[in-house]
Amino acid sequence: MSLTYPSPATGTENATTDDAAVHRTYQVRTFGCQMNVHDSERMAGMLEAAGYVPADGAQADVVVFNTCAVRENADNKLYGNLGQLAPIKAANPGMQIAVGGCLAQKDRETILKKAPWVDAVFGTHNVGALPALLDRARHNNEAQLEILESLAVFPSTLPTKRDSVYSGWVSISVGCNNTCTFCIVPALRGKEKDRRPGEILAEVQALVDDGAIEVTLLGQNVNSYGVEFGDRQAFSKLLRACGEIPGLERVRFTSPHPAAFTDDVIDAMAETPNVMPQLHMPLQSGSDKVLRDMKRSYRSAKFLGILDKVRAKMPHAAISTDIIVGFPGETEEDFRATLDVVEKSRFATAFTFQYSKRPGTPAADLPDQLPKAVVQERFERLTALQDRIAAEENAKQLGRRVEVMVTAQSGRKSEETHRLSGRSQDQRLVHFTVPEGAPAPRPGDLVTVTVTEAAAFHLIADPATAADYSLRRSRAGDAWDRAQADSCGVPTPGAAAPGGRTGVSLGMPSLPVRGR
């Protein structure tokens, strides 16, 4: 589907693809899940391949919104942001605005009707069209709308601007074959499409060759990988294959579906040293009745059984989850069943959501939609319970020696505490200090420290002496230094780039050549 709409004049109607983008800056604003974050890396990569440069805090010539349609406030968030940009664009005629992602796939022409100052709208299946749509809008002085109904090019074949030098997302599939009644994702992302294992491993190897030591395998239902080519154990085989890649120290994945989570995956996790002892397992509800209404093809007993098996093989595994409160028809008894499963599950962390009606989903038409006040009260009870459990589980980490991969981001109080931050192998957030006289790490380096304090959402490690602190400089830290040098920055041990992040371009199947 491709349409054009009149657009305000930009003053560059006759520019070519090459000279239109010269010195033009861009910003990508991302809403939503990890898949959207990964897609935004693709969008940035496409723009930079076309000659655009990051805005780096200044007002960008091109602003791209990568949208989410899962939550009820997604529409308000987008149109609120577009409204704020309208007067800025009016004062800067050469500026362009593009909207992509799930909400673009859903709303289509509505976006241009509500915000006629938008220059380009594109969907989840044609991320690679972004630079061409911007060029066409400039040349034709018309807004461009292009929405495809199915995937044209697998996103991983597109150039990518990674946010991190030390870790990266690798998409192993797109789309979803499930029919959860609350979820609009299958309608917007389509049926599951799996990449071939060789392509995935080649991308992982390329990331490692470029300095990354951590990779997260990404899919809408990551453990159903292989369904398209008929191999039910394809995902566990993929995990084991990642274990054979030299230099790859940490492998994670998100998000699996409990109904398809099999013992061979648990075995592969436990037996592959670089697969981390961390699992995100979406519960959604602890009530079997609500799970049936959601069309989640598992029940609470199966869910708890999976966690038991995982912990039997990996006693120190940290397990996180997603939970929806206030699904239509949820009774107090149903909600108490959720509280019971949460108490038994002992989640390290939980992403809790109040149910929101999404037009186009079966659940939106169900009877017995709950009053907001009821949902809010249950939500507060659930978060209070989970906060207590998280604090108790983190307290069990006191005195443990943990290996932390240092990140570029620090905690909110880092300026006053002088602590750096990172993630342990089980993905817990750790804030730590570097003892006086000890060498400071770079983002991507690994430190081993003893946990001295614990809170619900983080751990603290303040080594008393240098003997309590161990630093292992890594290839990822070296890559950080190179990236800083390439961007004309001066590498400073333990310091982040401006804004707390740096970018690394990575295209598949080939990598850019960077001076070393």
Protein backbone atom coordinates (compact mmCIF):
# COMPACT_ATOMS: atom_id res chain seq x y z
CA MET A 1 0.00 0.00 0.00
CA SER A 2 1.57 3.29 -1.10
CA LEU A 3 -0.15 6.68 -1.11
CA THR A 4 0.95 10.29 -1.33
CA TYR A 5 -0.46 13.30 0.49
CA PRO A 6 0.28 17.01 0.07
CA SER A 7 3.09 18.12 2.35
CA PRO A 8 4.37 21.56 3.36
CA ALA A 9 7.17 22.76 1.09
CA THR A 10 10.63 21.89 2.31
CA GLY A 11 12.72 24.00 -0.03
CA THR A 12 14.66 20.94 -1.28
CA GLU A 13 12.24 19.61 -3.86
CA ASN A 14 14.90 18.97 -6.50
CA ALA A 15 17.55 17.45 -4.24
CA THR A 16 19.02 14.09 -5.15
CA THR A 17 19.38 11.17 -2.74
CA ASP A 18 23.07 11.93 -2.25
CA ASP A 19 23.04 15.68 -1.76
CA ALA A 20 19.70 15.86 0.08
CA ALA A 21 21.12 14.04 3.06
CA VAL A 22 24.47 15.87 3.18
CA HIS A 23 24.88 17.35 6.64
CA ARG A 24 21.27 16.49 7.51
CA THR A 25 20.89 15.21 11.05
CA TYR A 26 18.49 12.63 12.44
CA GLN A 27 16.98 11.42 15.71
CA VAL A 28 15.07 8.16 16.25
CA ARG A 29 12.63 8.14 19.18
CA THR A 30 11.63 4.65 20.28
CA PHE A 31 8.54 3.47 22.14
CA GLY A 32 7.76 -0.12 23.11
CA CYS A 33 9.44 -3.49 23.33
CA GLN A 34 12.90 -4.88 22.61
CA MET A 35 11.83 -5.62 19.04
CA ASN A 36 11.18 -1.90 18.55
CA VAL A 37 14.56 -1.04 20.07
CA HIS A 38 16.18 -3.42 17.60
CA ASP A 39 14.16 -1.98 14.69
CA SER A 40 15.31 1.50 15.70
CA GLU A 41 18.91 0.34 15.36
CA ARG A 42 18.02 -0.70 11.81
CA MET A 43 16.41 2.68 11.10
CA ALA A 44 19.48 4.51 12.35
CA GLY A 45 21.71 2.26 10.27
CA MET A 46 19.65 2.91 7.14
CA LEU A 47 19.77 6.67 7.68
CA GLU A 48 23.52 6.73 8.26
CA ALA A 49 24.07 4.56 5.18
CA ALA A 50 22.11 7.22 3.28
CA GLY A 51 24.38 9.99 4.57
CA TYR A 52 22.53 11.31 7.62
CA VAL A 53 24.39 11.98 10.87
CA PRO A 54 23.15 11.81 14.50
CA ALA A 55 21.74 15.05 15.88
CA ASP A 56 23.66 14.62 19.18
CA GLY A 57 21.28 16.73 21.25
CA ALA A 58 20.60 19.47 18.72
CA GLN A 59 17.25 19.81 16.96
CA ALA A 60 17.32 17.16 14.25
CA ASP A 61 16.53 17.77 10.59
CA VAL A 62 14.73 14.41 10.55
CA VAL A 63 12.83 13.01 13.55
CA VAL A 64 11.65 9.39 13.29
CA PHE A 65 9.12 7.93 15.71
CA ASN A 66 9.24 4.13 16.06
CA THR A 67 5.91 3.44 17.69
CA CYS A 68 4.22 0.82 19.85
CA ALA A 69 0.52 -0.10 19.69
CA VAL A 70 0.32 -2.47 22.67
CA ARG A 71 -0.60 -0.05 25.44
CA GLU A 72 -3.67 2.18 25.58
CA ASN A 73 -1.67 5.40 25.87
CA ALA A 74 0.44 4.65 22.78
CA ASP A 75 -1.76 6.83 20.57
CA ASN A 76 -1.77 9.74 23.01
CA LYS A 77 2.00 9.54 23.41
CA LEU A 78 2.59 9.67 19.65
CA TYR A 79 0.15 12.46 18.86
CA GLY A 80 1.33 14.44 21.85
CA ASN A 81 4.90 14.28 20.58
CA LEU A 82 3.82 15.12 17.04
CA GLY A 83 1.90 18.13 18.36
CA GLN A 84 4.98 19.41 20.15
CA LEU A 85 6.99 19.19 16.93
CA ALA A 86 4.42 20.99 14.76
CA PRO A 87 5.52 24.56 15.64
CA ILE A 88 9.19 23.53 15.49
CA LYS A 89 8.71 22.21 11.98
CA ALA A 90 6.76 25.32 10.98
CA ALA A 91 9.78 27.39 11.99
CA ASN A 92 12.17 25.02 10.17
CA PRO A 93 10.73 24.28 6.71
CA GLY A 94 13.46 21.81 5.83
CA MET A 95 12.66 19.57 8.79
CA GLN A 96 11.02 16.18 8.21
CA ILE A 97 9.02 13.87 10.49
CA ALA A 98 8.50 10.14 9.91
CA VAL A 99 6.36 7.66 11.82
CA GLY A 100 7.00 3.91 11.71
CA GLY A 101 6.40 0.83 13.83
CA CYS A 102 3.30 -0.93 15.11
CA LEU A 103 1.05 2.11 15.52
CA ALA A 104 1.90 3.20 11.97
CA GLN A 105 1.01 -0.28 10.73
CA LYS A 106 -2.34 0.00 12.56
CA ASP A 107 -3.37 3.65 12.04
CA ARG A 108 -1.98 4.23 8.54
CA GLU A 109 -3.84 7.19 6.92
CA THR A 110 -5.14 8.28 10.33
CA ILE A 111 -1.70 9.57 11.26
CA LEU A 112 -1.57 11.89 8.25
CA LYS A 113 -5.13 13.06 8.87
CA LYS A 114 -4.46 13.86 12.53
CA ALA A 115 -0.95 15.23 11.91
CA PRO A 116 -0.73 16.48 8.31
CA TRP A 117 2.73 17.92 8.99
CA VAL A 118 4.16 14.36 9.04
CA ASP A 119 6.23 13.58 5.93
CA ALA A 120 6.41 9.77 5.90
CA VAL A 121 4.51 6.86 7.42
CA PHE A 122 5.85 3.31 7.09
CA GLY A 123 5.00 -0.03 8.68
CA THR A 124 6.69 -2.90 10.48
CA HIS A 125 7.35 -4.79 7.24
CA ASN A 126 9.23 -2.10 5.32
CA VAL A 127 11.71 -0.47 7.71
CA GLY A 128 14.23 -0.38 4.87
CA ALA A 129 12.05 2.04 2.88
CA LEU A 130 12.61 4.93 5.31
CA PRO A 131 15.39 6.86 3.48
CA ALA A 132 13.62 6.52 0.12
CA LEU A 133 10.32 7.75 1.58
CA LEU A 134 12.05 10.80 3.05
CA ASP A 135 13.74 11.53 -0.30
CA ARG A 136 10.46 11.09 -2.15
CA ALA A 137 8.61 13.39 0.25
CA ARG A 138 11.24 16.09 -0.28
CA HIS A 139 11.32 15.68 -4.04
CA ASN A 140 7.55 15.48 -4.59
CA ASN A 141 6.60 17.88 -1.80
CA GLU A 142 4.05 15.27 -0.70
CA ALA A 143 3.73 13.13 2.40
CA GLN A 144 4.47 9.46 1.73
CA LEU A 145 2.52 6.53 3.13
CA GLU A 146 3.82 3.01 2.49
CA ILE A 147 2.45 0.05 4.44
CA LEU A 148 3.22 -3.52 3.36
CA GLU A 149 1.06 -6.42 4.49
CA SER A 150 3.93 -8.89 4.72
CA LEU A 151 7.69 -8.85 5.22
CA ALA A 152 9.60 -7.81 2.09
CA VAL A 153 13.17 -8.06 3.42
CA PHE A 154 14.21 -9.67 6.70
CA PRO A 155 15.32 -6.72 8.87
CA SER A 156 18.68 -8.26 9.74
CA THR A 157 19.83 -7.79 6.13
CA LEU A 158 19.64 -4.02 6.64
CA PRO A 159 22.46 -1.79 7.90
CA THR A 160 22.39 -1.33 11.67
CA LYS A 161 23.59 1.40 14.02
CA ARG A 162 24.02 -0.45 17.32
CA ASP A 163 23.60 1.46 20.55
CA SER A 164 26.27 -0.59 22.31
CA VAL A 165 29.71 -1.86 21.36
CA TYR A 166 29.76 -4.54 24.03
CA SER A 167 26.37 -6.18 23.49
CA GLY A 168 23.81 -6.51 20.74
CA TRP A 169 20.39 -7.81 19.75
CA VAL A 170 20.15 -10.55 17.14
CA SER A 171 16.68 -11.19 15.74
CA ILE A 172 16.09 -14.88 15.06
CA SER A 173 12.45 -14.51 13.99
CA VAL A 174 9.74 -11.92 13.45
CA GLY A 175 6.00 -12.21 13.84
CA CYS A 176 3.84 -14.48 15.97
CA ASN A 177 1.57 -17.47 15.36
CA ASN A 178 -0.32 -17.21 18.66
CA THR A 179 -3.76 -15.67 19.11
CA CYS A 180 -3.66 -14.16 22.61
CA THR A 181 -6.88 -12.19 22.92
CA PHE A 182 -5.23 -9.13 24.50
CA CYS A 183 -2.45 -8.79 21.95
CA ILE A 184 -2.46 -6.87 18.69
CA VAL A 185 1.11 -7.81 17.73
CA PRO A 186 0.24 -10.72 15.35
CA ALA A 187 -2.01 -8.40 13.34
CA LEU A 188 0.78 -5.83 13.04
CA ARG A 189 3.89 -8.02 12.72
CA GLY A 190 2.35 -10.96 10.84
CA LYS A 191 2.93 -14.69 11.10
CA GLU A 192 6.23 -15.99 12.42
CA LYS A 193 9.11 -15.95 9.96
CA ASP A 194 12.30 -17.74 11.01
CA ARG A 195 15.81 -16.99 9.85
CA ARG A 196 18.06 -19.84 8.88
CA PRO A 197 20.48 -20.87 11.66
CA GLY A 198 23.53 -20.11 9.52
CA GLU A 199 22.41 -16.51 8.97
CA ILE A 200 21.85 -16.00 12.69
CA LEU A 201 25.20 -17.45 13.68
CA ALA A 202 26.93 -15.37 11.00
CA GLU A 203 25.44 -12.21 12.51
CA VAL A 204 26.44 -13.30 16.02
CA GLN A 205 29.98 -13.96 14.77
CA ALA A 206 30.07 -10.54 13.11
CA LEU A 207 29.08 -8.89 16.37
CA VAL A 208 31.77 -10.79 18.25
CA ASP A 209 34.36 -9.95 15.61
CA ASP A 210 33.46 -6.30 16.09
CA GLY A 211 34.05 -6.50 19.85
CA ALA A 212 30.76 -7.55 21.44
CA ILE A 213 30.90 -10.15 24.19
CA GLU A 214 27.16 -10.35 24.88
CA VAL A 215 24.30 -11.20 22.52
CA THR A 216 20.54 -11.37 23.15
CA LEU A 217 18.55 -13.57 20.78
CA LEU A 218 15.28 -11.85 20.01
CA GLY A 219 11.90 -13.09 18.84
CA GLN A 220 8.23 -12.52 19.51
CA ASN A 221 8.11 -16.12 20.79
CA VAL A 222 11.78 -16.91 20.71
CA ASN A 223 11.54 -20.55 21.79
CA SER A 224 9.11 -21.47 19.00
CA TYR A 225 11.98 -20.79 16.61
CA GLY A 226 12.19 -23.52 13.97
CA VAL A 227 8.45 -23.96 13.47
CA GLU A 228 8.72 -22.63 9.93
CA PHE A 229 11.27 -25.22 8.84
CA GLY A 230 9.95 -28.06 10.98
CA ASP A 231 12.63 -28.51 13.65
CA ARG A 232 11.13 -28.49 17.15
CA GLN A 233 14.58 -28.49 18.77
CA ALA A 234 15.99 -25.71 16.61
CA PHE A 235 16.14 -23.21 19.45
CA SER A 236 18.06 -25.45 21.84
CA LYS A 237 20.44 -26.32 18.99
CA LEU A 238 20.92 -22.60 18.34
CA LEU A 239 21.78 -21.97 22.00
CA ARG A 240 24.36 -24.76 21.93
CA ALA A 241 25.82 -23.44 18.67
CA CYS A 242 26.25 -20.01 20.28
CA GLY A 243 28.26 -21.78 22.97
CA GLU A 244 30.80 -22.74 20.33
CA ILE A 245 31.61 -19.17 19.27
CA PRO A 246 34.98 -18.08 20.72
CA GLY A 247 34.87 -14.71 22.47
CA LEU A 248 31.11 -14.77 23.06
CA GLU A 249 30.84 -14.66 26.84
CA ARG A 250 27.15 -14.01 27.50
CA VAL A 251 24.09 -15.29 25.62
CA ARG A 252 20.56 -14.27 26.58
CA PHE A 253 17.17 -14.54 24.89
CA THR A 254 13.73 -12.97 25.09
CA SER A 255 10.86 -13.64 25.19
CA PRO A 256 9.82 -17.29 25.34
CA HIS A 257 6.26 -18.63 25.59
CA PRO A 258 5.55 -21.08 28.43
CA ALA A 259 3.44 -23.35 26.20
CA ALA A 260 6.39 -24.04 23.91
CA PHE A 261 9.13 -24.13 26.55
CA THR A 262 10.62 -27.63 26.40
CA ASP A 263 13.12 -29.61 28.44
CA ASP A 264 15.72 -29.58 25.67
CA VAL A 265 15.91 -25.77 26.01
CA ILE A 266 16.40 -26.05 29.77
CA ASP A 267 19.16 -28.62 29.21
CA ALA A 268 20.85 -26.40 26.62
CA MET A 269 20.75 -23.44 29.02
CA ALA A 270 22.25 -25.45 31.87
CA GLU A 271 24.91 -27.19 29.74
CA THR A 272 26.10 -24.22 27.64
CA PRO A 273 28.50 -22.17 29.76
CA ASN A 274 27.94 -18.83 28.04
CA VAL A 275 24.12 -19.02 28.25
CA MET A 276 23.37 -16.89 31.28
CA PRO A 277 21.40 -18.13 34.34
CA GLN A 278 18.55 -15.73 33.64
CA LEU A 279 15.11 -16.32 32.16
CA HIS A 280 12.23 -14.03 31.28
CA MET A 281 9.06 -16.17 31.37
CA PRO A 282 5.78 -14.25 30.83
CA LEU A 283 3.04 -15.39 33.21
CA GLN A 284 0.32 -12.84 32.32
CA SER A 285 -2.09 -14.34 34.91
CA GLY A 286 -2.05 -16.97 37.62
CA SER A 287 -5.74 -17.79 37.10
CA ASP A 288 -6.44 -20.73 34.83
CA LYS A 289 -9.79 -19.21 33.91
CA VAL A 290 -8.19 -15.94 32.87
CA LEU A 291 -5.46 -17.80 30.98
CA ARG A 292 -8.20 -19.59 29.02
CA ASP A 293 -9.90 -16.27 28.30
CA MET A 294 -6.55 -14.88 27.16
CA LYS A 295 -6.03 -17.96 24.93
CA ARG A 296 -2.73 -18.62 26.65
CA SER A 297 -2.23 -22.32 26.00
CA TYR A 298 -0.78 -23.28 29.40
CA ARG A 299 -2.03 -23.30 32.96
CA SER A 300 -0.51 -22.17 36.24
CA ALA A 301 0.63 -25.68 37.20
CA LYS A 302 2.62 -26.03 33.98
CA PHE A 303 4.13 -22.58 34.45
CA LEU A 304 5.31 -23.37 37.98
CA GLY A 305 6.61 -26.74 36.78
CA ILE A 306 8.82 -25.00 34.21
CA LEU A 307 10.31 -22.79 36.91
CA ASP A 308 10.96 -25.85 39.10
CA LYS A 309 12.82 -27.57 36.26
CA VAL A 310 14.87 -24.48 35.49
CA ARG A 311 15.89 -24.05 39.12
CA ALA A 312 16.70 -27.75 39.49
CA LYS A 313 19.26 -27.37 36.69
CA MET A 314 20.31 -23.77 37.50
CA PRO A 315 19.74 -23.09 41.21
CA HIS A 316 20.89 -19.46 41.00
CA ALA A 317 18.84 -18.53 37.93
CA ALA A 318 17.02 -15.21 38.16
CA ILE A 319 13.56 -15.37 36.64
CA SER A 320 11.50 -12.39 35.55
CA THR A 321 8.00 -12.15 34.12
CA ASP A 322 5.15 -10.10 32.64
CA ILE A 323 1.76 -9.86 34.38
CA ILE A 324 -1.49 -8.21 33.28
CA VAL A 325 -3.90 -7.05 35.98
CA GLY A 326 -7.61 -6.47 35.40
CA PHE A 327 -8.25 -8.57 32.30
CA PRO A 328 -11.98 -8.54 31.41
CA GLY A 329 -13.93 -10.84 33.72
CA GLU A 330 -11.08 -11.19 36.24
CA THR A 331 -12.66 -11.79 39.65
CA GLU A 332 -11.13 -11.25 43.07
CA GLU A 333 -10.61 -15.02 43.20
CA ASP A 334 -8.80 -14.92 39.87
CA PHE A 335 -6.59 -12.10 41.09
CA ARG A 336 -5.77 -13.96 44.30
CA ALA A 337 -4.68 -16.91 42.15
CA THR A 338 -2.21 -14.56 40.44
CA LEU A 339 -0.88 -13.41 43.80
CA ASP A 340 -0.48 -17.04 44.82
CA VAL A 341 1.55 -17.92 41.71
CA VAL A 342 3.70 -14.82 42.14
CA GLU A 343 4.42 -15.80 45.75
CA LYS A 344 5.43 -19.30 44.66
CA SER A 345 7.44 -18.16 41.65
CA ARG A 346 9.79 -15.84 43.56
CA PHE A 347 10.45 -13.63 40.56
CA ALA A 348 13.59 -11.49 40.64
CA THR A 349 11.59 -8.82 38.87
CA ALA A 350 8.23 -8.46 37.17
CA PHE A 351 6.88 -6.11 34.53
CA THR A 352 3.33 -5.45 35.66
CA PHE A 353 0.65 -3.84 33.48
CA GLN A 354 -2.91 -2.73 33.94
CA TYR A 355 -5.06 -4.21 31.18
CA SER A 356 -5.90 -1.67 28.50
CA LYS A 357 -8.46 -2.20 25.76
CA ARG A 358 -6.88 -2.24 22.32
CA PRO A 359 -9.23 -1.86 19.35
CA GLY A 360 -8.83 -4.79 16.97
CA THR A 361 -8.19 -7.38 19.69
CA PRO A 362 -10.81 -9.97 20.77
CA ALA A 363 -10.46 -8.93 24.42
CA ALA A 364 -11.64 -5.42 23.59
CA ASP A 365 -15.12 -6.85 22.87
CA LEU A 366 -15.33 -9.12 25.91
CA PRO A 367 -18.01 -8.38 28.52
CA ASP A 368 -17.20 -7.50 32.11
CA GLN A 369 -14.57 -4.85 31.44
CA LEU A 370 -13.35 -3.91 34.93
CA PRO A 371 -13.66 -0.42 36.45
CA LYS A 372 -10.42 1.54 36.55
CA ALA A 373 -10.54 1.82 40.34
CA VAL A 374 -10.70 -1.97 40.76
CA VAL A 375 -7.80 -2.52 38.37
CA GLN A 376 -5.71 0.17 40.09
CA GLU A 377 -6.27 -1.31 43.55
CA ARG A 378 -5.28 -4.80 42.39
CA PHE A 379 -2.28 -3.41 40.56
CA GLU A 380 -1.04 -1.74 43.74
CA ARG A 381 -1.45 -4.97 45.73
CA LEU A 382 0.46 -6.92 43.10
CA THR A 383 3.35 -4.46 42.87
CA ALA A 384 3.63 -4.31 46.66
CA LEU A 385 3.89 -8.10 46.79
CA GLN A 386 6.43 -8.28 43.99
CA ASP A 387 8.53 -5.47 45.47
CA ARG A 388 8.71 -7.42 48.75
CA ILE A 389 9.69 -10.63 46.96
CA ALA A 390 12.31 -8.85 44.83
CA ALA A 391 13.86 -7.30 47.94
CA GLU A 392 13.92 -10.71 49.66
CA GLU A 393 15.48 -12.41 46.63
CA ASN A 394 18.09 -9.68 46.27
CA ALA A 395 18.90 -9.96 49.99
CA LYS A 396 19.97 -13.54 49.29
CA GLN A 397 22.75 -12.12 47.13
CA LEU A 398 24.49 -10.44 50.08
CA GLY A 399 28.04 -11.70 50.40
CA ARG A 400 28.05 -13.31 46.95
CA ARG A 401 30.89 -12.68 44.53
CA VAL A 402 29.39 -11.59 41.20
CA GLU A 403 30.90 -10.88 37.82
CA VAL A 404 29.57 -7.60 36.43
CA MET A 405 29.79 -6.42 32.86
CA VAL A 406 30.23 -2.66 33.08
CA THR A 407 27.75 -0.57 31.11
CA ALA A 408 27.95 2.99 29.82
CA GLN A 409 24.94 3.98 31.89
CA SER A 410 25.29 4.79 35.58
CA GLY A 411 22.72 5.14 38.34
CA ARG A 412 20.80 8.34 39.05
CA LYS A 413 22.93 9.04 42.11
CA SER A 414 26.26 8.19 40.49
CA GLU A 415 27.59 11.74 40.73
CA GLU A 416 27.27 11.76 44.50
CA THR A 417 28.05 8.07 45.13
CA HIS A 418 30.83 7.82 42.49
CA ARG A 419 29.55 4.33 41.66
CA LEU A 420 29.66 2.74 38.22
CA SER A 421 27.01 0.29 37.06
CA GLY A 422 26.70 -3.00 35.25
CA ARG A 423 24.83 -6.26 34.95
CA SER A 424 25.66 -9.51 36.69
CA GLN A 425 25.42 -12.81 34.86
CA ASP A 426 21.84 -13.24 36.06
CA GLN A 427 21.01 -9.75 34.73
CA ARG A 428 20.69 -8.06 38.12
CA LEU A 429 21.67 -4.40 38.15
CA VAL A 430 24.78 -3.80 40.26
CA HIS A 431 26.14 -0.41 41.31
CA PHE A 432 29.76 -0.64 42.48
CA THR A 433 32.68 1.49 43.55
CA VAL A 434 36.26 1.20 42.42
CA PRO A 435 38.60 1.06 45.44
CA GLU A 436 41.15 3.83 45.72
CA GLY A 437 44.23 2.97 43.72
CA ALA A 438 42.52 0.20 41.74
CA PRO A 439 42.24 0.46 37.94
CA ALA A 440 38.93 1.76 36.61
CA PRO A 441 37.01 -0.30 34.05
CA ARG A 442 35.70 0.77 30.69
CA PRO A 443 32.19 -0.08 29.47
CA GLY A 444 32.41 -3.67 28.30
CA ASP A 445 35.06 -4.67 30.84
CA LEU A 446 34.22 -7.16 33.58
CA VAL A 447 34.68 -6.68 37.30
CA THR A 448 34.21 -9.19 40.08
CA VAL A 449 32.94 -7.76 43.36
CA THR A 450 31.16 -8.86 46.54
CA VAL A 451 27.58 -7.69 47.08
CA THR A 452 27.44 -5.50 50.21
CA GLU A 453 23.90 -4.06 50.05
CA ALA A 454 20.63 -5.09 48.44
CA ALA A 455 17.44 -3.27 47.50
CA ALA A 456 14.37 -4.36 45.54
CA PHE A 457 15.67 -3.14 42.19
CA HIS A 458 19.45 -3.22 42.46
CA LEU A 459 22.49 -4.50 44.31
CA ILE A 460 25.41 -2.49 45.67
CA ALA A 461 29.01 -3.62 45.89
CA ASP A 462 31.43 -1.35 47.75
CA PRO A 463 34.74 -3.22 48.04
CA ALA A 464 36.52 -2.43 51.29
CA THR A 465 39.96 -2.91 49.75
CA ALA A 466 41.51 -3.40 46.34
CA ALA A 467 41.77 -7.10 47.17
CA ASP A 468 37.96 -7.32 47.10
CA TYR A 469 37.88 -5.98 43.55
CA SER A 470 39.00 -7.75 40.39
CA LEU A 471 39.08 -6.21 36.90
CA ARG A 472 39.26 -8.16 33.66
CA ARG A 473 39.78 -5.96 30.64
CA SER A 474 37.91 -7.32 27.64
CA ARG A 475 37.74 -7.10 23.87
CA ALA A 476 34.49 -5.20 24.39
CA GLY A 477 36.31 -2.56 26.42
CA ASP A 478 38.87 -2.29 23.62
CA ALA A 479 35.97 -1.83 21.17
CA TRP A 480 34.61 0.95 23.39
CA ASP A 481 37.96 2.74 23.21
CA ARG A 482 38.03 2.40 19.41
CA ALA A 483 34.47 3.70 19.10
CA GLN A 484 35.34 6.70 21.28
CA ALA A 485 38.41 7.42 19.17
CA ASP A 486 36.44 7.07 15.94
CA SER A 487 33.91 9.63 17.16
CA CYS A 488 36.78 12.01 18.09
CA GLY A 489 36.19 11.37 21.76
CA VAL A 490 38.98 10.75 24.21
CA PRO A 491 38.52 7.34 25.87
CA THR A 492 38.24 7.82 29.60
CA PRO A 493 38.24 4.70 31.79
CA GLY A 494 34.83 4.20 33.35
CA ALA A 495 33.26 7.18 31.61
CA ALA A 496 30.34 7.10 29.23
CA ALA A 497 30.01 8.99 25.99
CA PRO A 498 27.85 12.11 25.98
CA GLY A 499 24.32 11.00 26.68
CA GLY A 500 25.58 7.75 28.15
CA ARG A 501 25.74 5.88 24.88
CA THR A 502 27.73 5.38 21.73
CA GLY A 503 26.82 3.86 18.43
CA VAL A 504 28.48 1.30 16.23
CA SER A 505 27.40 0.69 12.67
CA LEU A 506 26.88 -2.94 11.77
CA GLY A 507 25.40 -4.13 8.50
CA MET A 508 24.67 -7.66 7.43
CA PRO A 509 26.08 -9.52 5.68
CA SER A 510 29.18 -7.31 5.66
CA LEU A 511 30.78 -5.18 8.37
CA PRO A 512 32.09 -1.65 8.01
CA VAL A 513 35.87 -1.32 8.16
CA ARG A 514 37.06 0.71 11.09
CA GLY A 515 40.59 1.91 11.67
CA ARG A 516 42.36 0.18 14.53
